[in-house]
């Protein structure tokens, strides 16, 4: 994991690097790692030490543990990307929710809170429709896979968060945004080389995320391959390379 972080950070630093008066300055990004599950051995931060002819330096990568964040903290700190993985905080109690209707109702109330606060953020203009729909859709998918053996839990959360996101609600908005972004990028004269490097980095990061979700049993191989725009055989080959 540390090697991959260093590779990504170095690529970003080189893309943004500047040469002035014969000196190349590279700025490493503020990276972080998210653990969906953790235990007592999970560190609070990861460290990388660089040894150069001019001396050595060590920098830290902070660790985020999804199971430690409450719904209130997620919205207070605007960590909305954690919302799809919130069900991990309840992983050890899924069987209890499945068997006890009162406990399941408490879980549903928590997801009602999430849905309500997302609607409020949309109303205030802090997120757009596509972001809201994406968070809801991903939350449903994670619940579906993590709670695959607990039908009442799956249906209970889905009844609160909503079902399949409609084409015009999400994908159309996304496609329009992509077209607008391409237009603005061309108009502003973004350097093609840097754009290509960033695209490759984003693609690689997305591919690794999909691979880790498949490896954790949270996403099917066919769905991951579809999202990566690869055949299942090609995606399996990528998994062998990354894992």
Protein backbone atom coordinates (compact mmCIF):
# COMPACT_ATOMS: atom_id res chain seq x y z
CA UNK A 1 0.00 0.00 0.00
CA UNK A 2 2.75 2.47 0.89
CA UNK A 3 4.48 1.84 -2.43
CA UNK A 4 1.30 2.64 -4.35
CA UNK A 5 0.77 5.80 -2.33
CA UNK A 6 4.30 6.89 -3.10
CA UNK A 7 3.80 6.18 -6.81
CA UNK A 8 0.58 8.23 -6.97
CA UNK A 9 1.95 11.08 -4.88
CA UNK A 10 5.13 11.26 -6.94
CA UNK A 11 3.18 11.35 -10.20
CA UNK A 12 0.97 14.17 -8.95
CA UNK A 13 4.01 16.05 -7.64
CA UNK A 14 5.76 15.76 -11.02
CA UNK A 15 2.64 16.85 -12.90
CA UNK A 16 2.46 19.99 -10.76
CA UNK A 17 6.24 20.51 -10.59
CA UNK A 18 7.77 23.81 -11.62
CA UNK A 19 11.30 24.74 -12.67
CA UNK A 20 12.42 28.20 -11.68
CA UNK A 21 15.98 29.50 -11.90
CA UNK A 22 17.24 25.98 -12.52
CA UNK A 23 15.49 24.49 -9.48
CA UNK A 24 12.74 21.87 -9.80
CA UNK A 25 10.15 22.24 -7.05
CA UNK A 26 7.72 19.37 -6.49
CA UNK A 27 4.90 19.50 -3.96
CA UNK A 28 3.48 16.26 -2.67
CA UNK A 29 -0.31 16.13 -2.15
CA UNK A 30 -2.00 15.71 1.22
CA UNK A 31 -2.88 12.03 0.90
CA UNK A 32 -4.87 9.90 3.33
CA UNK A 33 -5.94 6.26 3.57
CA UNK A 34 -9.40 5.03 4.50
CA UNK A 35 -9.89 1.72 6.32
CA UNK A 36 -13.46 0.40 6.09
CA UNK A 37 -12.63 -2.05 8.88
CA UNK A 38 -9.97 -1.73 11.56
CA UNK A 39 -8.68 -3.46 14.66
CA UNK A 40 -6.24 -2.74 17.48
CA UNK A 41 -3.28 -3.25 15.14
CA UNK A 42 -4.45 -0.64 12.59
CA UNK A 43 -2.05 2.33 12.80
CA UNK A 44 -3.10 5.95 13.20
CA UNK A 45 -0.81 6.99 10.35
CA UNK A 46 1.49 5.51 7.73
CA UNK A 47 5.04 6.75 7.28
CA UNK A 48 7.37 7.04 4.31
CA UNK A 49 11.07 7.83 4.64
CA UNK A 50 12.98 9.25 1.66
CA UNK A 51 16.76 9.02 1.62
CA UNK A 52 18.42 11.44 -0.81
CA UNK A 53 22.02 12.55 -1.43
CA UNK A 54 21.13 15.75 0.42
CA UNK A 55 19.70 14.03 3.47
CA UNK A 56 16.63 12.08 4.52
CA UNK A 57 13.10 13.08 5.43
CA UNK A 58 10.01 11.32 6.71
CA UNK A 59 6.42 12.26 6.00
CA UNK A 60 3.19 10.81 7.36
CA UNK A 61 -0.05 9.75 5.69
CA UNK A 62 -3.01 10.06 8.06
CA UNK A 63 -5.33 7.09 8.48
CA UNK A 64 -9.12 7.40 8.53
CA UNK A 65 -11.21 4.63 10.09
CA UNK A 66 -14.74 4.61 8.69
CA UNK A 67 -16.21 2.76 11.66
CA UNK A 68 -15.22 5.55 14.06
CA UNK A 69 -17.33 8.27 12.44
CA UNK A 70 -20.91 8.98 13.50
CA UNK A 71 -23.48 10.42 11.10
CA UNK A 72 -23.26 13.75 12.95
CA UNK A 73 -19.47 13.91 12.55
CA UNK A 74 -19.65 13.03 8.85
CA UNK A 75 -21.99 15.93 8.10
CA UNK A 76 -20.29 18.33 10.51
CA UNK A 77 -16.90 17.73 8.88
CA UNK A 78 -18.37 17.44 5.35
CA UNK A 79 -16.92 13.95 4.91
CA UNK A 80 -19.78 12.95 2.62
CA UNK A 81 -17.71 10.34 0.82
CA UNK A 82 -17.93 8.25 4.03
CA UNK A 83 -21.72 7.98 3.87
CA UNK A 84 -21.89 4.96 1.52
CA UNK A 85 -19.70 3.03 3.97
CA UNK A 86 -21.61 4.00 7.12
CA UNK A 87 -23.15 0.52 7.33
CA UNK A 88 -19.70 -0.78 8.36
CA UNK A 89 -20.22 0.84 11.76
CA UNK A 90 -23.14 -1.57 12.22
CA UNK A 91 -21.50 -4.66 10.73
CA UNK A 92 -21.29 -6.59 14.00
CA UNK A 93 -24.98 -5.97 14.75
CA UNK A 94 -26.54 -6.93 11.41
CA UNK A 95 -27.82 -10.25 12.74
CA UNK A 96 -29.40 -8.45 15.69
CA UNK A 97 -31.13 -5.99 13.34
CA UNK A 98 -32.39 -8.87 11.22
CA UNK A 99 -34.04 -10.61 14.18
CA UNK A 100 -35.23 -7.63 16.23
CA UNK A 101 -37.63 -5.23 14.55
CA UNK A 102 -37.12 -2.54 17.19
CA UNK A 103 -33.37 -2.47 16.55
CA UNK A 104 -33.93 -2.44 12.79
CA UNK A 105 -36.19 0.60 13.19
CA UNK A 106 -33.32 2.43 14.90
CA UNK A 107 -31.06 1.63 11.96
CA UNK A 108 -33.72 2.88 9.53
CA UNK A 109 -34.07 6.10 11.54
CA UNK A 110 -30.35 6.67 11.18
CA UNK A 111 -30.62 6.32 7.41
CA UNK A 112 -33.66 8.60 7.41
CA UNK A 113 -31.40 11.16 9.07
CA UNK A 114 -28.81 10.68 6.33
CA UNK A 115 -31.39 11.04 3.56
CA UNK A 116 -32.92 14.12 5.19
CA UNK A 117 -29.58 15.86 5.62
CA UNK A 118 -28.61 15.13 2.02
CA UNK A 119 -31.87 16.74 0.88
CA UNK A 120 -31.07 19.75 3.07
CA UNK A 121 -27.58 20.07 1.57
CA UNK A 122 -29.14 19.95 -1.89
CA UNK A 123 -31.64 22.63 -0.95
CA UNK A 124 -28.82 24.88 0.30
CA UNK A 125 -26.80 24.31 -2.86
CA UNK A 126 -23.88 22.66 -1.03
CA UNK A 127 -24.19 19.54 -3.20
CA UNK A 128 -25.82 18.96 -6.57
CA UNK A 129 -28.40 16.38 -7.61
CA UNK A 130 -25.80 14.05 -9.09
CA UNK A 131 -23.75 14.01 -5.87
CA UNK A 132 -26.84 13.25 -3.79
CA UNK A 133 -27.95 10.47 -6.14
CA UNK A 134 -24.46 8.97 -6.28
CA UNK A 135 -24.15 8.85 -2.48
CA UNK A 136 -27.56 7.19 -2.16
CA UNK A 137 -26.86 4.72 -4.95
CA UNK A 138 -23.47 3.73 -3.53
CA UNK A 139 -24.92 3.42 -0.01
CA UNK A 140 -27.55 1.01 -1.32
CA UNK A 141 -24.93 -1.05 -3.14
CA UNK A 142 -22.66 -1.33 -0.11
CA UNK A 143 -25.58 -2.34 2.12
CA UNK A 144 -26.70 -4.89 -0.46
CA UNK A 145 -23.31 -6.59 -0.47
CA UNK A 146 -22.38 -6.26 3.20
CA UNK A 147 -25.82 -7.36 4.38
CA UNK A 148 -26.34 -9.94 1.63
CA UNK A 149 -27.51 -12.54 4.19
CA UNK A 150 -29.89 -10.16 5.96
CA UNK A 151 -32.94 -9.51 3.80
CA UNK A 152 -34.80 -7.37 6.35
CA UNK A 153 -31.78 -5.09 6.76
CA UNK A 154 -31.34 -4.66 3.00
CA UNK A 155 -35.00 -3.94 2.38
CA UNK A 156 -35.26 -1.70 5.44
CA UNK A 157 -32.42 0.59 4.35
CA UNK A 158 -33.59 0.60 0.74
CA UNK A 159 -37.09 1.61 1.82
CA UNK A 160 -35.59 4.71 3.42
CA UNK A 161 -32.85 5.61 0.95
CA UNK A 162 -34.82 4.83 -2.19
CA UNK A 163 -34.31 2.30 -4.96
CA UNK A 164 -32.41 2.39 -8.22
CA UNK A 165 -31.37 5.86 -9.29
CA UNK A 166 -33.13 6.90 -12.49
CA UNK A 167 -31.18 7.77 -15.64
CA UNK A 168 -32.32 11.38 -15.78
CA UNK A 169 -31.56 11.94 -12.10
CA UNK A 170 -27.92 10.96 -12.17
CA UNK A 171 -26.31 9.74 -15.38
CA UNK A 172 -27.71 12.53 -17.54
CA UNK A 173 -26.53 15.14 -15.04
CA UNK A 174 -23.10 13.52 -14.99
CA UNK A 175 -22.84 13.43 -18.76
CA UNK A 176 -23.81 17.08 -19.04
CA UNK A 177 -21.19 17.95 -16.42
CA UNK A 178 -18.52 16.03 -18.32
CA UNK A 179 -19.34 17.87 -21.55
CA UNK A 180 -19.21 21.23 -19.79
CA UNK A 181 -15.91 20.32 -18.12
CA UNK A 182 -14.36 19.32 -21.44
CA UNK A 183 -15.51 22.58 -23.01
CA UNK A 184 -14.11 24.68 -20.17
CA UNK A 185 -10.88 22.74 -20.14
CA UNK A 186 -10.29 23.35 -23.81
CA UNK A 187 -11.29 26.97 -23.55
CA UNK A 188 -8.86 27.61 -20.71
CA UNK A 189 -6.02 25.89 -22.56
CA UNK A 190 -5.11 23.22 -20.02
CA UNK A 191 -1.90 21.48 -21.06
CA UNK A 192 -2.68 18.16 -22.70
CA UNK A 193 0.23 16.34 -21.10
CA UNK A 194 -0.84 17.21 -17.58
CA UNK A 195 -4.45 16.41 -18.36
CA UNK A 196 -3.48 13.00 -19.66
CA UNK A 197 -1.34 12.31 -16.59
CA UNK A 198 -4.16 13.25 -14.26
CA UNK A 199 -6.65 11.17 -16.23
CA UNK A 200 -4.39 8.17 -15.97
CA UNK A 201 -3.92 8.73 -12.26
CA UNK A 202 -7.67 9.06 -11.69
CA UNK A 203 -8.33 5.93 -13.78
CA UNK A 204 -5.70 3.97 -11.86
CA UNK A 205 -7.07 5.09 -8.50
CA UNK A 206 -10.63 4.20 -9.52
CA UNK A 207 -9.48 0.81 -10.79
CA UNK A 208 -7.72 0.06 -7.51
CA UNK A 209 -10.80 1.07 -5.52
CA UNK A 210 -12.99 -1.26 -7.61
CA UNK A 211 -10.50 -4.10 -7.16
CA UNK A 212 -10.48 -3.63 -3.39
CA UNK A 213 -14.29 -3.59 -3.28
CA UNK A 214 -14.42 -6.85 -5.24
CA UNK A 215 -11.73 -8.37 -3.03
CA UNK A 216 -13.73 -7.37 0.08
CA UNK A 217 -16.86 -8.98 -1.37
CA UNK A 218 -18.70 -5.65 -1.61
CA UNK A 219 -18.98 -5.55 -5.39
CA UNK A 220 -19.48 -8.26 -7.97
CA UNK A 221 -16.80 -8.90 -10.59
CA UNK A 222 -19.22 -8.19 -13.44
CA UNK A 223 -20.33 -4.85 -11.95
CA UNK A 224 -16.74 -3.78 -11.24
CA UNK A 225 -15.70 -4.67 -14.79
CA UNK A 226 -18.63 -2.69 -16.16
CA UNK A 227 -17.71 0.40 -14.13
CA UNK A 228 -14.06 0.07 -15.18
CA UNK A 229 -15.15 -0.35 -18.83
CA UNK A 230 -13.27 -3.62 -19.09
CA UNK A 231 -14.23 -7.17 -19.92
CA UNK A 232 -14.46 -9.51 -16.93
CA UNK A 233 -11.36 -11.33 -18.17
CA UNK A 234 -9.38 -8.09 -18.44
CA UNK A 235 -10.56 -7.01 -14.97
CA UNK A 236 -9.48 -10.35 -13.48
CA UNK A 237 -6.06 -9.83 -15.03
CA UNK A 238 -5.86 -6.38 -13.42
CA UNK A 239 -6.75 -7.92 -10.06
CA UNK A 240 -3.87 -10.38 -10.35
CA UNK A 241 -1.53 -7.50 -11.09
CA UNK A 242 -2.68 -5.28 -8.21
CA UNK A 243 -3.31 -7.78 -5.41
